């Protein structure tokens, strides 16, 4: 579920950018009307196709307007993601958010059971992670009381890491601060940007690259 008006999920998978999320939450379009089923060849190698299925709820220019339309329906987004999981028989619903706080985030927080925080190995990024975890923690008791659903941190993923003194230092600090929650870093490698140029995922563009191996390590 793409919740960012930039619509980068669609762009990354070479899908049409549409206001699918807006239509579902504001105009009450059905899931079948807005969901896009992604061809397996788009994100997995032809000789090792994915076993499951990937669906996308796209976002575009109207996404920022959603919160004002559904502010009187505090569980609208939660109900939508639950319906997605049920109707499409999904194992997971992954919610992609923007890097900055927006009005829809309060509903996203209520709908989210686990968080994967992506951060650069920089001092200001570390501060951002600390603040984001505090915001999430403030809703933990509300989710348990009203929904009887726990909230957990799945991990903290250092991204775009370079072999510099500052990045090495910040990684050490992050390990001290977050311990077992800190995942192995994703290095800044050219394969990521090259794959984006050709509108491919890393797993189809360079499936045997070091970058792909690091990405698989994070997934596992």
Protein backbone atom coordinates (compact mmCIF):
# COMPACT_ATOMS: atom_id res chain seq x y z
CA UNK A 1 0.00 0.00 0.00
CA UNK A 2 1.68 3.19 -1.20
CA UNK A 3 0.74 6.13 1.05
CA UNK A 4 3.11 8.67 -0.52
CA UNK A 5 1.87 11.09 -3.21
CA UNK A 6 5.14 10.62 -5.09
CA UNK A 7 3.95 7.15 -6.06
CA UNK A 8 7.43 5.63 -6.10
CA UNK A 9 6.15 2.10 -5.55
CA UNK A 10 4.40 2.22 -8.92
CA UNK A 11 7.38 3.86 -10.59
CA UNK A 12 9.77 1.26 -9.20
CA UNK A 13 7.68 -1.57 -10.62
CA UNK A 14 6.91 0.25 -13.89
CA UNK A 15 3.20 0.36 -13.07
CA UNK A 16 0.73 3.12 -13.97
CA UNK A 17 0.50 5.84 -11.32
CA UNK A 18 -3.12 6.18 -10.22
CA UNK A 19 -4.96 7.46 -7.17
CA UNK A 20 -5.97 3.97 -6.11
CA UNK A 21 -5.63 4.60 -2.37
CA UNK A 22 -7.66 7.82 -2.60
CA UNK A 23 -10.40 6.10 -4.57
CA UNK A 24 -10.61 3.26 -2.05
CA UNK A 25 -10.65 5.39 1.09
CA UNK A 26 -12.53 8.48 -0.08
CA UNK A 27 -14.71 7.31 -2.96
CA UNK A 28 -15.28 3.81 -1.51
CA UNK A 29 -14.10 2.07 -4.66
CA UNK A 30 -13.86 -1.69 -4.27
CA UNK A 31 -10.53 -3.39 -3.75
CA UNK A 32 -10.81 -5.07 -7.14
CA UNK A 33 -11.24 -1.65 -8.76
CA UNK A 34 -8.00 -0.22 -7.39
CA UNK A 35 -5.61 -3.10 -6.79
CA UNK A 36 -2.90 -3.92 -9.34
CA UNK A 37 -1.63 -7.48 -9.57
CA UNK A 38 2.07 -7.35 -10.42
CA UNK A 39 3.46 -9.85 -12.91
CA UNK A 40 6.01 -12.10 -11.24
CA UNK A 41 8.52 -11.46 -14.03
CA UNK A 42 8.58 -7.82 -12.92
CA UNK A 43 10.19 -8.56 -9.58
CA UNK A 44 11.74 -12.04 -9.75
CA UNK A 45 14.15 -13.73 -12.21
CA UNK A 46 12.56 -15.78 -15.00
CA UNK A 47 14.42 -18.90 -13.86
CA UNK A 48 13.31 -18.49 -10.24
CA UNK A 49 9.86 -16.92 -10.23
CA UNK A 50 8.30 -15.92 -6.94
CA UNK A 51 6.06 -18.52 -5.34
CA UNK A 52 3.57 -16.00 -3.98
CA UNK A 53 1.84 -13.00 -5.48
CA UNK A 54 2.41 -9.27 -5.16
CA UNK A 55 -0.38 -6.69 -5.28
CA UNK A 56 -0.05 -2.91 -5.20
CA UNK A 57 -2.46 -0.21 -4.08
CA UNK A 58 -0.99 2.80 -5.91
CA UNK A 59 -0.83 6.42 -4.82
CA UNK A 60 -0.67 9.66 -6.77
CA UNK A 61 -1.45 13.36 -6.47
CA UNK A 62 -4.63 13.15 -4.36
CA UNK A 63 -3.10 11.03 -1.61
CA UNK A 64 -2.36 14.05 0.59
CA UNK A 65 -6.08 14.89 0.62
CA UNK A 66 -7.19 11.57 2.12
CA UNK A 67 -6.78 12.48 5.79
CA UNK A 68 -9.12 15.47 5.62
CA UNK A 69 -11.85 13.38 3.99
CA UNK A 70 -11.79 10.53 6.52
CA UNK A 71 -10.91 12.35 9.76
CA UNK A 72 -14.34 11.44 11.19
CA UNK A 73 -13.68 7.76 10.46
CA UNK A 74 -10.63 6.94 12.62
CA UNK A 75 -10.59 3.25 11.68
CA UNK A 76 -11.08 3.68 7.93
CA UNK A 77 -7.49 2.83 7.00
CA UNK A 78 -7.34 -0.04 9.50
CA UNK A 79 -10.51 -1.58 8.10
CA UNK A 80 -9.19 -1.16 4.57
CA UNK A 81 -5.93 -3.00 5.26
CA UNK A 82 -7.78 -5.77 7.11
CA UNK A 83 -10.14 -6.14 4.15
CA UNK A 84 -7.15 -6.29 1.81
CA UNK A 85 -5.61 -9.13 3.77
CA UNK A 86 -8.88 -11.05 3.90
CA UNK A 87 -10.11 -10.49 0.34
CA UNK A 88 -6.78 -11.20 -1.35
CA UNK A 89 -5.73 -13.93 1.10
CA UNK A 90 -2.47 -12.14 1.93
CA UNK A 91 0.24 -13.13 4.36
CA UNK A 92 1.32 -9.53 4.84
CA UNK A 93 0.16 -6.02 4.03
CA UNK A 94 3.21 -3.78 3.61
CA UNK A 95 2.56 -0.06 4.05
CA UNK A 96 5.09 2.24 2.38
CA UNK A 97 5.14 5.66 4.01
CA UNK A 98 6.74 8.99 3.19
CA UNK A 99 9.89 10.02 5.10
CA UNK A 100 8.10 12.96 6.71
CA UNK A 101 5.10 13.08 9.05
CA UNK A 102 1.74 13.66 7.38
CA UNK A 103 -1.90 13.86 8.48
CA UNK A 104 -2.74 10.29 7.47
CA UNK A 105 -0.04 8.87 9.75
CA UNK A 106 -2.30 8.62 12.82
CA UNK A 107 -4.54 6.18 10.95
CA UNK A 108 -1.54 4.33 9.54
CA UNK A 109 -0.14 3.93 13.07
CA UNK A 110 -3.41 2.38 14.28
CA UNK A 111 -3.35 -0.11 11.38
CA UNK A 112 0.29 -1.19 11.69
CA UNK A 113 1.35 -4.23 13.70
CA UNK A 114 5.08 -4.08 12.97
CA UNK A 115 7.54 -1.39 11.93
CA UNK A 116 10.65 -1.59 9.80
CA UNK A 117 12.57 1.66 10.15
CA UNK A 118 14.92 2.56 7.31
CA UNK A 119 17.64 5.02 8.24
CA UNK A 120 20.89 6.37 6.90
CA UNK A 121 23.96 6.09 9.10
CA UNK A 122 23.92 9.78 9.90
CA UNK A 123 23.49 11.69 13.17
CA UNK A 124 20.29 13.46 12.09
CA UNK A 125 18.83 10.21 10.76
CA UNK A 126 19.51 8.56 14.12
CA UNK A 127 17.60 11.36 15.79
CA UNK A 128 14.74 10.81 13.35
CA UNK A 129 14.56 7.11 14.21
CA UNK A 130 14.48 7.92 17.92
CA UNK A 131 11.60 10.34 17.39
CA UNK A 132 9.69 7.92 15.15
CA UNK A 133 9.92 5.12 17.72
CA UNK A 134 8.61 7.48 20.43
CA UNK A 135 5.63 8.36 18.21
CA UNK A 136 4.91 4.69 17.63
CA UNK A 137 5.27 3.84 21.33
CA UNK A 138 2.70 6.49 22.28
CA UNK A 139 0.02 4.45 20.47
CA UNK A 140 0.96 1.00 21.75
CA UNK A 141 -1.43 1.07 24.71
CA UNK A 142 -4.27 2.50 22.60
CA UNK A 143 -3.93 -0.35 20.09
CA UNK A 144 -3.96 -2.96 22.83
CA UNK A 145 -6.92 -1.35 24.62
CA UNK A 146 -9.10 -0.73 21.57
CA UNK A 147 -7.93 -3.38 19.11
CA UNK A 148 -6.27 -6.02 21.30
CA UNK A 149 -3.38 -5.98 18.83
CA UNK A 150 0.25 -5.65 19.91
CA UNK A 151 2.81 -3.46 18.17
CA UNK A 152 6.41 -4.44 17.54
CA UNK A 153 9.59 -3.11 15.97
CA UNK A 154 10.61 -5.57 13.25
CA UNK A 155 13.99 -3.98 12.79
CA UNK A 156 16.04 -0.90 12.02
CA UNK A 157 17.73 -1.02 8.64
CA UNK A 158 20.77 1.19 7.94
CA UNK A 159 20.59 2.16 4.27
CA UNK A 160 22.99 3.70 1.74
CA UNK A 161 25.91 2.92 4.01
CA UNK A 162 29.40 3.92 2.91
CA UNK A 163 32.78 2.88 4.29
CA UNK A 164 33.53 6.24 5.90
CA UNK A 165 34.61 7.05 9.44
CA UNK A 166 31.34 8.85 10.16
CA UNK A 167 29.19 5.96 8.93
CA UNK A 168 31.26 3.40 10.85
CA UNK A 169 30.90 5.52 13.99
CA UNK A 170 27.15 5.99 13.56
CA UNK A 171 26.62 2.27 12.94
CA UNK A 172 28.44 1.52 16.19
CA UNK A 173 26.23 4.03 18.01
CA UNK A 174 23.09 2.53 16.46
CA UNK A 175 24.16 -0.94 17.56
CA UNK A 176 24.61 0.35 21.11
CA UNK A 177 21.22 2.08 21.03
CA UNK A 178 19.12 -0.62 19.37
CA UNK A 179 21.02 -3.90 19.81
CA UNK A 180 19.15 -6.87 18.38
CA UNK A 181 16.82 -4.64 16.36
CA UNK A 182 19.64 -3.34 14.15
CA UNK A 183 19.74 -5.27 10.87
CA UNK A 184 22.77 -5.77 8.64
CA UNK A 185 23.32 -2.60 6.62
CA UNK A 186 22.46 -2.11 2.97
CA UNK A 187 25.55 -0.66 1.29
CA UNK A 188 25.43 2.16 -1.23
CA UNK A 189 25.95 0.23 -4.46
CA UNK A 190 25.52 1.27 -8.09
CA UNK A 191 23.25 -1.69 -8.88
CA UNK A 192 20.38 0.02 -7.03
CA UNK A 193 20.48 3.18 -9.15
CA UNK A 194 21.13 1.27 -12.37
CA UNK A 195 18.07 -0.93 -11.77
CA UNK A 196 15.98 2.19 -11.21
CA UNK A 197 17.12 3.68 -14.51
CA UNK A 198 15.72 0.65 -16.35
CA UNK A 199 12.55 0.56 -14.20
CA UNK A 200 13.50 -2.86 -12.87
CA UNK A 201 13.79 -4.26 -9.40
CA UNK A 202 17.21 -5.21 -8.15
CA UNK A 203 16.16 -8.87 -8.21
CA UNK A 204 15.57 -8.88 -11.96
CA UNK A 205 18.32 -6.45 -12.97
CA UNK A 206 21.18 -7.95 -10.95
CA UNK A 207 19.92 -11.04 -9.13
CA UNK A 208 23.39 -12.38 -8.27
CA UNK A 209 24.94 -9.04 -7.27
CA UNK A 210 26.25 -8.21 -3.80
CA UNK A 211 23.43 -5.69 -3.51
CA UNK A 212 20.82 -8.40 -4.13
CA UNK A 213 22.49 -10.70 -1.61
CA UNK A 214 22.33 -7.96 1.02
CA UNK A 215 18.67 -7.34 0.23
CA UNK A 216 17.85 -11.05 0.53
CA UNK A 217 19.70 -11.10 3.84
CA UNK A 218 17.42 -8.38 5.15
CA UNK A 219 14.31 -10.26 4.00
CA UNK A 220 15.42 -13.51 5.63
